[in-house]
PDB file of N, CA and C in Angstrom:
ATOM      1  N   UNK A   1     -53.136  49.096   9.091  1.00  0.00           N
ATOM      2  CA  UNK A   1     -52.265  48.037  10.052  1.00  0.00           C
ATOM      3  C   UNK A   1     -52.733  47.500  11.270  1.00  0.00           C
ATOM      4  N   UNK A   2     -53.806  47.823  11.730  1.00  0.00           N
ATOM      5  CA  UNK A   2     -54.566  47.519  12.473  1.00  0.00           C
ATOM      6  C   UNK A   2     -55.583  46.752  12.926  1.00  0.00           C
ATOM      7  N   UNK A   3     -56.480  47.157  11.932  1.00  0.00           N
ATOM      8  CA  UNK A   3     -57.039  46.144  11.248  1.00  0.00           C
ATOM      9  C   UNK A   3     -56.596  44.879  10.456  1.00  0.00           C
ATOM     10  N   UNK A   4     -55.433  45.101   9.751  1.00  0.00           N
ATOM     11  CA  UNK A   4     -55.191  43.531  10.148  1.00  0.00           C
ATOM     12  C   UNK A   4     -54.796  42.515  11.078  1.00  0.00           C
ATOM     13  N   UNK A   5     -53.891  43.188  11.422  1.00  0.00           N
ATOM     14  CA  UNK A   5     -53.410  42.622  13.136  1.00  0.00           C
ATOM     15  C   UNK A   5     -54.806  42.245  14.226  1.00  0.00           C
ATOM     16  N   UNK A   6     -55.750  42.836  13.897  1.00  0.00           N
ATOM     17  CA  UNK A   6     -57.337  42.416  14.327  1.00  0.00           C
ATOM     18  C   UNK A   6     -57.561  41.047  13.411  1.00  0.00           C
ATOM     19  N   UNK A   7     -57.368  40.993  12.227  1.00  0.00           N
ATOM     20  CA  UNK A   7     -57.911  39.630  11.729  1.00  0.00           C
ATOM     21  C   UNK A   7     -57.289  38.617  12.201  1.00  0.00           C
ATOM     22  N   UNK A   8     -55.999  38.840  11.862  1.00  0.00           N
ATOM     23  CA  UNK A   8     -55.338  37.886  11.960  1.00  0.00           C
ATOM     24  C   UNK A   8     -55.777  37.378  13.654  1.00  0.00           C
ATOM     25  N   UNK A   9     -55.654  38.244  14.575  1.00  0.00           N
ATOM     26  CA  UNK A   9     -55.879  37.515  16.047  1.00  0.00           C
ATOM     27  C   UNK A   9     -57.242  37.105  15.626  1.00  0.00           C
ATOM     28  N   UNK A  10     -58.582  37.769  15.362  1.00  0.00           N
ATOM     29  CA  UNK A  10     -59.705  37.227  15.340  1.00  0.00           C
ATOM     30  C   UNK A  10     -59.382  35.651  15.142  1.00  0.00           C
ATOM     31  N   UNK A  11     -59.137  35.458  13.779  1.00  0.00           N
ATOM     32  CA  UNK A  11     -58.880  33.850  13.601  1.00  0.00           C
ATOM     33  C   UNK A  11     -58.124  33.071  14.810  1.00  0.00           C
ATOM     34  N   UNK A  12     -57.262  33.303  14.728  1.00  0.00           N
ATOM     35  CA  UNK A  12     -56.183  33.144  16.143  1.00  0.00           C
ATOM     36  C   UNK A  12     -57.427  32.932  17.224  1.00  0.00           C
ATOM     37  N   UNK A  13     -58.266  33.698  17.843  1.00  0.00           N
ATOM     38  CA  UNK A  13     -59.200  33.249  18.731  1.00  0.00           C
ATOM     39  C   UNK A  13     -59.856  32.468  18.227  1.00  0.00           C
ATOM     40  N   UNK A  14     -60.319  32.175  17.348  1.00  0.00           N
ATOM     41  CA  UNK A  14     -61.466  31.195  16.852  1.00  0.00           C
ATOM     42  C   UNK A  14     -60.488  29.908  16.210  1.00  0.00           C
ATOM     43  N   UNK A  15     -59.785  29.977  16.101  1.00  0.00           N
ATOM     44  CA  UNK A  15     -58.949  29.175  16.366  1.00  0.00           C
ATOM     45  C   UNK A  15     -59.263  28.127  14.381  1.00  0.00           C
ATOM     46  N   UNK A  16     -59.398  29.292  14.102  1.00  0.00           N
ATOM     47  CA  UNK A  16     -59.771  28.959  11.769  1.00  0.00           C
ATOM     48  C   UNK A  16     -58.397  29.182  11.122  1.00  0.00           C
ATOM     49  N   UNK A  17     -58.524  28.319  10.689  1.00  0.00           N
ATOM     50  CA  UNK A  17     -57.070  28.902   9.697  1.00  0.00           C
ATOM     51  C   UNK A  17     -57.309  30.866   9.121  1.00  0.00           C
ATOM     52  N   UNK A  18     -56.093  31.128   8.327  1.00  0.00           N
ATOM     53  CA  UNK A  18     -55.896  32.297   7.627  1.00  0.00           C
ATOM     54  C   UNK A  18     -56.158  31.972   6.134  1.00  0.00           C
ATOM     55  N   UNK A  19     -55.629  31.472   5.900  1.00  0.00           N
ATOM     56  CA  UNK A  19     -55.046  30.970   4.308  1.00  0.00           C
ATOM     57  C   UNK A  19     -56.780  30.270   3.784  1.00  0.00           C
ATOM     58  N   UNK A  20     -56.814  30.598   2.446  1.00  0.00           N
ATOM     59  CA  UNK A  20     -57.865  29.851   1.760  1.00  0.00           C
ATOM     60  C   UNK A  20     -57.126  29.180   0.144  1.00  0.00           C
ATOM     61  N   UNK A  21     -57.808  28.699  -0.238  1.00  0.00           N
ATOM     62  CA  UNK A  21     -57.243  28.539  -1.660  1.00  0.00           C
ATOM     63  C   UNK A  21     -57.062  29.355  -2.923  1.00  0.00           C
ATOM     64  N   UNK A  22     -57.347  30.612  -2.559  1.00  0.00           N
ATOM     65  CA  UNK A  22     -57.722  31.900  -3.571  1.00  0.00           C
ATOM     66  C   UNK A  22     -57.052  33.025  -2.463  1.00  0.00           C
ATOM     67  N   UNK A  23     -55.797  32.894  -2.244  1.00  0.00           N
ATOM     68  CA  UNK A  23     -55.537  34.538  -1.379  1.00  0.00           C
ATOM     69  C   UNK A  23     -55.955  35.801  -2.314  1.00  0.00           C
ATOM     70  N   UNK A  24     -56.276  35.736  -3.247  1.00  0.00           N
ATOM     71  CA  UNK A  24     -56.549  37.104  -3.640  1.00  0.00           C
ATOM     72  C   UNK A  24     -57.744  37.903  -3.887  1.00  0.00           C
ATOM     73  N   UNK A  25     -57.877  38.678  -3.000  1.00  0.00           N
ATOM     74  CA  UNK A  25     -59.485  39.282  -3.165  1.00  0.00           C
ATOM     75  C   UNK A  25     -60.155  39.661  -4.068  1.00  0.00           C
ATOM     76  N   UNK A  26     -59.347  40.140  -4.777  1.00  0.00           N
ATOM     77  CA  UNK A  26     -60.060  40.094  -6.418  1.00  0.00           C
ATOM     78  C   UNK A  26     -60.256  38.808  -7.045  1.00  0.00           C
ATOM     79  N   UNK A  27     -59.738  37.537  -6.617  1.00  0.00           N
ATOM     80  CA  UNK A  27     -60.410  36.073  -6.943  1.00  0.00           C
ATOM     81  C   UNK A  27     -62.212  35.965  -7.436  1.00  0.00           C
ATOM     82  N   UNK A  28     -62.316  34.924  -8.493  1.00  0.00           N
ATOM     83  CA  UNK A  28     -63.937  34.889  -8.381  1.00  0.00           C
ATOM     84  C   UNK A  28     -63.982  34.356  -7.807  1.00  0.00           C
ATOM     85  N   UNK A  29     -63.518  32.937  -8.400  1.00  0.00           N
ATOM     86  CA  UNK A  29     -63.521  32.025  -7.622  1.00  0.00           C
ATOM     87  C   UNK A  29     -62.882  30.888  -6.419  1.00  0.00           C
ATOM     88  N   UNK A  30     -63.658  30.255  -5.340  1.00  0.00           N
ATOM     89  CA  UNK A  30     -62.747  29.684  -4.666  1.00  0.00           C
ATOM     90  C   UNK A  30     -62.767  29.942  -3.765  1.00  0.00           C
ATOM     91  N   UNK A  31     -62.139  29.685  -2.274  1.00  0.00           N
ATOM     92  CA  UNK A  31     -62.079  29.912  -1.307  1.00  0.00           C
ATOM     93  C   UNK A  31     -60.851  31.355  -0.701  1.00  0.00           C
ATOM     94  N   UNK A  32     -61.254  32.223  -0.282  1.00  0.00           N
ATOM     95  CA  UNK A  32     -60.152  33.536  -0.390  1.00  0.00           C
ATOM     96  C   UNK A  32     -59.794  32.947   1.298  1.00  0.00           C
ATOM     97  N   UNK A  33     -60.319  32.466   2.223  1.00  0.00           N
ATOM     98  CA  UNK A  33     -59.556  32.264   3.280  1.00  0.00           C
ATOM     99  C   UNK A  33     -59.870  33.381   4.325  1.00  0.00           C
ATOM    100  N   UNK A  34     -60.081  32.787   5.562  1.00  0.00           N
ATOM    101  CA  UNK A  34     -60.787  33.489   6.457  1.00  0.00           C
ATOM    102  C   UNK A  34     -60.382  35.249   6.996  1.00  0.00           C
ATOM    103  N   UNK A  35     -58.546  35.234   7.141  1.00  0.00           N
ATOM    104  CA  UNK A  35     -58.299  36.319   6.967  1.00  0.00           C
ATOM    105  C   UNK A  35     -58.864  37.538   5.876  1.00  0.00           C
ATOM    106  N   UNK A  36     -58.732  36.704   4.209  1.00  0.00           N
ATOM    107  CA  UNK A  36     -59.434  37.947   3.825  1.00  0.00           C
ATOM    108  C   UNK A  36     -60.713  38.164   3.981  1.00  0.00           C
ATOM    109  N   UNK A  37     -61.531  36.966   4.129  1.00  0.00           N
ATOM    110  CA  UNK A  37     -62.709  37.360   5.065  1.00  0.00           C
ATOM    111  C   UNK A  37     -63.363  38.093   5.269  1.00  0.00           C
ATOM    112  N   UNK A  38     -62.467  38.329   6.591  1.00  0.00           N
ATOM    113  CA  UNK A  38     -62.483  39.019   7.602  1.00  0.00           C
ATOM    114  C   UNK A  38     -62.151  40.625   7.395  1.00  0.00           C
ATOM    115  N   UNK A  39     -61.441  40.380   6.899  1.00  0.00           N
ATOM    116  CA  UNK A  39     -60.769  42.464   6.133  1.00  0.00           C
ATOM    117  C   UNK A  39     -61.470  42.720   5.181  1.00  0.00           C
ATOM    118  N   UNK A  40     -62.196  42.185   4.403  1.00  0.00           N
ATOM    119  CA  UNK A  40     -63.472  42.144   3.221  1.00  0.00           C
ATOM    120  C   UNK A  40     -64.631  42.715   4.174  1.00  0.00           C
ATOM    121  N   UNK A  41     -64.736  42.215   5.864  1.00  0.00           N
ATOM    122  CA  UNK A  41     -66.170  42.424   6.268  1.00  0.00           C
ATOM    123  C   UNK A  41     -65.877  43.377   7.699  1.00  0.00           C
ATOM    124  N   UNK A  42     -64.556  43.976   7.815  1.00  0.00           N
ATOM    125  CA  UNK A  42     -63.865  45.097   8.411  1.00  0.00           C
ATOM    126  C   UNK A  42     -63.961  45.999   7.076  1.00  0.00           C
ATOM    127  N   UNK A  43     -63.786  46.203   5.910  1.00  0.00           N
ATOM    128  CA  UNK A  43     -63.822  46.943   5.181  1.00  0.00           C
ATOM    129  C   UNK A  43     -65.346  47.717   4.823  1.00  0.00           C
ATOM    130  N   UNK A  44     -66.295  46.563   4.781  1.00  0.00           N
ATOM    131  CA  UNK A  44     -67.579  46.905   4.808  1.00  0.00           C
ATOM    132  C   UNK A  44     -68.312  47.972   5.755  1.00  0.00           C
ATOM    133  N   UNK A  45     -66.970  48.051   7.367  1.00  0.00           N
ATOM    134  CA  UNK A  45     -67.913  49.372   7.738  1.00  0.00           C
ATOM    135  C   UNK A  45     -66.683  50.226   8.089  1.00  0.00           C
ATOM    136  N   UNK A  46     -65.669  50.398   7.609  1.00  0.00           N
ATOM    137  CA  UNK A  46     -64.499  51.228   7.988  1.00  0.00           C
ATOM    138  C   UNK A  46     -63.719  51.602   6.408  1.00  0.00           C
ATOM    139  N   UNK A  47     -64.575  52.805   5.860  1.00  0.00           N
ATOM    140  CA  UNK A  47     -63.539  53.245   4.604  1.00  0.00           C
ATOM    141  C   UNK A  47     -62.254  53.509   4.290  1.00  0.00           C
ATOM    142  N   UNK A  48     -61.315  53.594   5.471  1.00  0.00           N
ATOM    143  CA  UNK A  48     -59.813  53.458   5.101  1.00  0.00           C
ATOM    144  C   UNK A  48     -59.608  52.376   5.147  1.00  0.00           C
ATOM    145  N   UNK A  49     -60.563  51.341   5.523  1.00  0.00           N
ATOM    146  CA  UNK A  49     -59.838  49.963   5.428  1.00  0.00           C
ATOM    147  C   UNK A  49     -60.019  49.113   3.826  1.00  0.00           C
ATOM    148  N   UNK A  50     -61.414  49.638   3.480  1.00  0.00           N
ATOM    149  CA  UNK A  50     -61.735  49.860   2.055  1.00  0.00           C
ATOM    150  C   UNK A  50     -61.176  50.124   1.091  1.00  0.00           C
ATOM    151  N   UNK A  51     -60.728  51.405   1.174  1.00  0.00           N
ATOM    152  CA  UNK A  51     -59.545  52.299   0.305  1.00  0.00           C
ATOM    153  C   UNK A  51     -58.658  51.730   0.300  1.00  0.00           C
ATOM    154  N   UNK A  52     -58.129  51.164   1.180  1.00  0.00           N
ATOM    155  CA  UNK A  52     -56.474  50.610   1.417  1.00  0.00           C
ATOM    156  C   UNK A  52     -57.005  49.284   0.522  1.00  0.00           C
ATOM    157  N   UNK A  53     -57.785  48.505   0.761  1.00  0.00           N
ATOM    158  CA  UNK A  53     -57.758  47.120  -0.110  1.00  0.00           C
ATOM    159  C   UNK A  53     -57.646  47.246  -1.470  1.00  0.00           C
ATOM    160  N   UNK A  54     -58.647  47.953  -1.814  1.00  0.00           N
ATOM    161  CA  UNK A  54     -58.710  48.357  -3.326  1.00  0.00           C
ATOM    162  C   UNK A  54     -57.708  48.836  -4.070  1.00  0.00           C
ATOM    163  N   UNK A  55     -57.158  49.971  -3.254  1.00  0.00           N
ATOM    164  CA  UNK A  55     -56.553  50.817  -4.021  1.00  0.00           C
ATOM    165  C   UNK A  55     -55.288  50.891  -2.712  1.00  0.00           C
ATOM    166  N   UNK A  56     -54.354  49.998  -2.660  1.00  0.00           N
ATOM    167  CA  UNK A  56     -53.009  50.351  -1.682  1.00  0.00           C
ATOM    168  C   UNK A  56     -52.613  51.741  -2.041  1.00  0.00           C
ATOM    169  N   UNK A  57     -51.789  52.374  -1.135  1.00  0.00           N
ATOM    170  CA  UNK A  57     -51.077  53.292  -1.729  1.00  0.00           C
ATOM    171  C   UNK A  57     -49.587  53.338  -1.932  1.00  0.00           C
ATOM    172  N   UNK A  58     -49.304  51.491  -1.806  1.00  0.00           N
ATOM    173  CA  UNK A  58     -48.078  51.598  -2.607  1.00  0.00           C
ATOM    174  C   UNK A  58     -48.518  49.830  -2.804  1.00  0.00           C
ATOM    175  N   UNK A  59     -48.626  49.510  -4.067  1.00  0.00           N
ATOM    176  CA  UNK A  59     -48.676  48.357  -4.358  1.00  0.00           C
ATOM    177  C   UNK A  59     -48.134  47.220  -3.646  1.00  0.00           C
ATOM    178  N   UNK A  60     -47.028  47.005  -3.439  1.00  0.00           N
ATOM    179  CA  UNK A  60     -45.969  45.795  -2.838  1.00  0.00           C
ATOM    180  C   UNK A  60     -46.327  45.793  -0.892  1.00  0.00           C
ATOM    181  N   UNK A  61     -46.988  47.067  -0.568  1.00  0.00           N
ATOM    182  CA  UNK A  61     -47.597  47.740   1.236  1.00  0.00           C
ATOM    183  C   UNK A  61     -48.924  47.255   0.939  1.00  0.00           C
ATOM    184  N   UNK A  62     -49.823  45.956   1.107  1.00  0.00           N
ATOM    185  CA  UNK A  62     -51.059  45.904   1.394  1.00  0.00           C
ATOM    186  C   UNK A  62     -51.304  45.029   2.882  1.00  0.00           C
ATOM    187  N   UNK A  63     -49.945  44.873   2.932  1.00  0.00           N
ATOM    188  CA  UNK A  63     -50.372  43.497   4.535  1.00  0.00           C
ATOM    189  C   UNK A  63     -50.672  42.718   4.575  1.00  0.00           C
ATOM    190  N   UNK A  64     -50.659  41.944   3.739  1.00  0.00           N
ATOM    191  CA  UNK A  64     -51.895  41.039   3.397  1.00  0.00           C
ATOM    192  C   UNK A  64     -51.249  39.625   3.079  1.00  0.00           C
ATOM    193  N   UNK A  65     -50.096  39.766   2.952  1.00  0.00           N
ATOM    194  CA  UNK A  65     -48.921  38.391   2.100  1.00  0.00           C
ATOM    195  C   UNK A  65     -48.692  37.511   3.320  1.00  0.00           C
ATOM    196  N   UNK A  66     -48.711  36.035   3.329  1.00  0.00           N
ATOM    197  CA  UNK A  66     -48.519  35.058   4.123  1.00  0.00           C
ATOM    198  C   UNK A  66     -47.408  35.459   5.460  1.00  0.00           C
ATOM    199  N   UNK A  67     -46.238  36.522   4.517  1.00  0.00           N
ATOM    200  CA  UNK A  67     -45.258  36.576   5.852  1.00  0.00           C
ATOM    201  C   UNK A  67     -45.627  37.915   6.459  1.00  0.00           C
ATOM    202  N   UNK A  68     -46.259  38.726   6.288  1.00  0.00           N
ATOM    203  CA  UNK A  68     -46.844  39.850   7.018  1.00  0.00           C
ATOM    204  C   UNK A  68     -47.928  38.806   8.182  1.00  0.00           C
ATOM    205  N   UNK A  69     -48.627  37.936   7.685  1.00  0.00           N
ATOM    206  CA  UNK A  69     -49.468  37.210   8.615  1.00  0.00           C
ATOM    207  C   UNK A  69     -48.532  36.564   9.989  1.00  0.00           C
ATOM    208  N   UNK A  70     -47.404  35.957   9.249  1.00  0.00           N
ATOM    209  CA  UNK A  70     -46.549  34.809   9.894  1.00  0.00           C
ATOM    210  C   UNK A  70     -46.489  36.266  10.542  1.00  0.00           C
ATOM    211  N   UNK A  71     -45.386  37.081  10.434  1.00  0.00           N
ATOM    212  CA  UNK A  71     -44.879  38.232  11.275  1.00  0.00           C
ATOM    213  C   UNK A  71     -45.641  38.141  12.657  1.00  0.00           C
ATOM    214  N   UNK A  72     -46.802  38.891  11.920  1.00  0.00           N
ATOM    215  CA  UNK A  72     -48.111  39.542  13.243  1.00  0.00           C
ATOM    216  C   UNK A  72     -48.134  38.774  13.945  1.00  0.00           C
ATOM    217  N   UNK A  73     -48.136  37.023  13.651  1.00  0.00           N
ATOM    218  CA  UNK A  73     -48.478  35.686  14.864  1.00  0.00           C
ATOM    219  C   UNK A  73     -47.597  35.718  15.727  1.00  0.00           C
ATOM    220  N   UNK A  74     -46.129  36.068  15.170  1.00  0.00           N
ATOM    221  CA  UNK A  74     -45.067  36.041  16.085  1.00  0.00           C
ATOM    222  C   UNK A  74     -45.227  37.168  16.736  1.00  0.00           C
ATOM    223  N   UNK A  75     -45.595  38.696  16.813  1.00  0.00           N
ATOM    224  CA  UNK A  75     -45.469  39.444  17.376  1.00  0.00           C
ATOM    225  C   UNK A  75     -46.498  39.634  18.471  1.00  0.00           C
ATOM    226  N   UNK A  76     -47.505  38.887  17.946  1.00  0.00           N
ATOM    227  CA  UNK A  76     -48.355  38.318  19.323  1.00  0.00           C
ATOM    228  C   UNK A  76     -48.313  37.513  20.134  1.00  0.00           C
ATOM    229  N   UNK A  77     -48.079  36.543  19.988  1.00  0.00           N
ATOM    230  CA  UNK A  77     -46.973  35.245  19.970  1.00  0.00           C
ATOM    231  C   UNK A  77     -46.082  35.370  20.954  1.00  0.00           C
ATOM    232  N   UNK A  78     -45.059  36.312  20.771  1.00  0.00           N
ATOM    233  CA  UNK A  78     -43.904  36.713  21.877  1.00  0.00           C
ATOM    234  C   UNK A  78     -43.809  37.486  22.856  1.00  0.00           C
ATOM    235  N   UNK A  79     -44.237  38.835  22.033  1.00  0.00           N
ATOM    236  CA  UNK A  79     -44.337  40.091  22.389  1.00  0.00           C
ATOM    237  C   UNK A  79     -45.667  40.285  23.299  1.00  0.00           C
ATOM    238  N   UNK A  80     -46.621  39.764  22.786  1.00  0.00           N
ATOM    239  CA  UNK A  80     -48.058  40.263  24.197  1.00  0.00           C
ATOM    240  C   UNK A  80     -48.328  38.788  24.788  1.00  0.00           C
ATOM    241  N   UNK A  81     -48.188  37.700  24.403  1.00  0.00           N
ATOM    242  CA  UNK A  81     -48.823  36.509  25.169  1.00  0.00           C
ATOM    243  C   UNK A  81     -47.760  35.919  25.896  1.00  0.00           C
ATOM    244  N   UNK A  82     -46.003  35.823  25.697  1.00  0.00           N
ATOM    245  CA  UNK A  82     -45.289  35.270  26.170  1.00  0.00           C
ATOM    246  C   UNK A  82     -45.352  36.482  27.315  1.00  0.00           C
ATOM    247  N   UNK A  83     -45.455  38.052  27.091  1.00  0.00           N
ATOM    248  CA  UNK A  83     -44.672  38.574  28.092  1.00  0.00           C
ATOM    249  C   UNK A  83     -46.028  38.711  29.329  1.00  0.00           C
ATOM    250  N   UNK A  84     -47.097  38.449  28.309  1.00  0.00           N
ATOM    251  CA  UNK A  84     -48.151  38.345  29.830  1.00  0.00           C
ATOM    252  C   UNK A  84     -48.271  36.972  31.028  1.00  0.00           C
ATOM    253  N   UNK A  85     -48.343  35.583  30.348  1.00  0.00           N
ATOM    254  CA  UNK A  85     -47.736  34.641  30.753  1.00  0.00           C
ATOM    255  C   UNK A  85     -46.470  34.701  31.812  1.00  0.00           C
ATOM    256  N   UNK A  86     -45.007  35.340  30.987  1.00  0.00           N
ATOM    257  CA  UNK A  86     -44.046  35.530  32.393  1.00  0.00           C
ATOM    258  C   UNK A  86     -44.699  36.730  33.244  1.00  0.00           C
ATOM    259  N   UNK A  87     -45.096  37.415  33.362  1.00  0.00           N
ATOM    260  CA  UNK A  87     -45.379  38.923  34.052  1.00  0.00           C
ATOM    261  C   UNK A  87     -46.545  37.922  35.593  1.00  0.00           C
ATOM    262  N   UNK A  88     -47.111  37.489  34.990  1.00  0.00           N
ATOM    263  CA  UNK A  88     -48.261  35.814  35.802  1.00  0.00           C
ATOM    264  C   UNK A  88     -47.622  35.462  36.467  1.00  0.00           C
ATOM    265  N   UNK A  89     -46.453  34.508  35.899  1.00  0.00           N
ATOM    266  CA  UNK A  89     -45.657  34.023  36.441  1.00  0.00           C
ATOM    267  C   UNK A  89     -44.684  34.321  38.119  1.00  0.00           C
ATOM    268  N   UNK A  90     -44.487  35.697  37.528  1.00  0.00           N
ATOM    269  CA  UNK A  90     -42.860  36.265  38.711  1.00  0.00           C
ATOM    270  C   UNK A  90     -44.058  37.340  39.619  1.00  0.00           C
ATOM    271  N   UNK A  91     -45.489  37.641  39.303  1.00  0.00           N
ATOM    272  CA  UNK A  91     -46.422  38.101  40.699  1.00  0.00           C
ATOM    273  C   UNK A  91     -47.208  36.780  41.359  1.00  0.00           C
ATOM    274  N   UNK A  92     -46.649  35.696  40.550  1.00  0.00           N
ATOM    275  CA  UNK A  92     -47.716  34.506  41.564  1.00  0.00           C
ATOM    276  C   UNK A  92     -46.321  33.992  42.720  1.00  0.00           C
ATOM    277  N   UNK A  93     -47.082  33.815  43.940  1.00  0.00           N
ATOM    278  CA  UNK A  93     -45.956  33.028  44.900  1.00  0.00           C
ATOM    279  C   UNK A  93     -46.021  31.830  44.786  1.00  0.00           C
ATOM    280  N   UNK A  94     -47.082  30.726  44.086  1.00  0.00           N
ATOM    281  CA  UNK A  94     -46.723  29.317  43.384  1.00  0.00           C
ATOM    282  C   UNK A  94     -47.097  29.421  42.383  1.00  0.00           C
ATOM    283  N   UNK A  95     -46.733  28.206  41.738  1.00  0.00           N
ATOM    284  CA  UNK A  95     -46.660  27.859  40.236  1.00  0.00           C
ATOM    285  C   UNK A  95     -45.823  26.871  39.545  1.00  0.00           C
ATOM    286  N   UNK A  96     -46.871  25.580  38.522  1.00  0.00           N
ATOM    287  CA  UNK A  96     -46.383  24.690  38.483  1.00  0.00           C
ATOM    288  C   UNK A  96     -46.233  24.820  36.738  1.00  0.00           C
ATOM    289  N   UNK A  97     -45.393  24.109  36.348  1.00  0.00           N
ATOM    290  CA  UNK A  97     -45.660  23.868  34.848  1.00  0.00           C
ATOM    291  C   UNK A  97     -45.544  22.365  34.440  1.00  0.00           C
ATOM    292  N   UNK A  98     -46.518  22.583  34.102  1.00  0.00           N
ATOM    293  CA  UNK A  98     -46.911  21.090  33.259  1.00  0.00           C
ATOM    294  C   UNK A  98     -46.064  20.568  31.662  1.00  0.00           C
TER     295      UNK A  98
END
């Protein structure tokens, strides 16, 4: 799960889209998308991720679906980034909103 979140965060930091025209990792043609490509890159160096991508423990629990990607983006946005911004504002003596 951590590697999946890191792949989503990587795409967000680089301002690149997650999805391609061929979402499945086993697709022979087309663009698998930056998210899947990042996971494949991580899997090349991490056997646990490689095993999960090749043979997930449960077929419906791969953490690669667009819904999971959106859930991770929402969690990162609300629970991490928004809390950090609010914390910085409350600690600041002065601030302005544009």
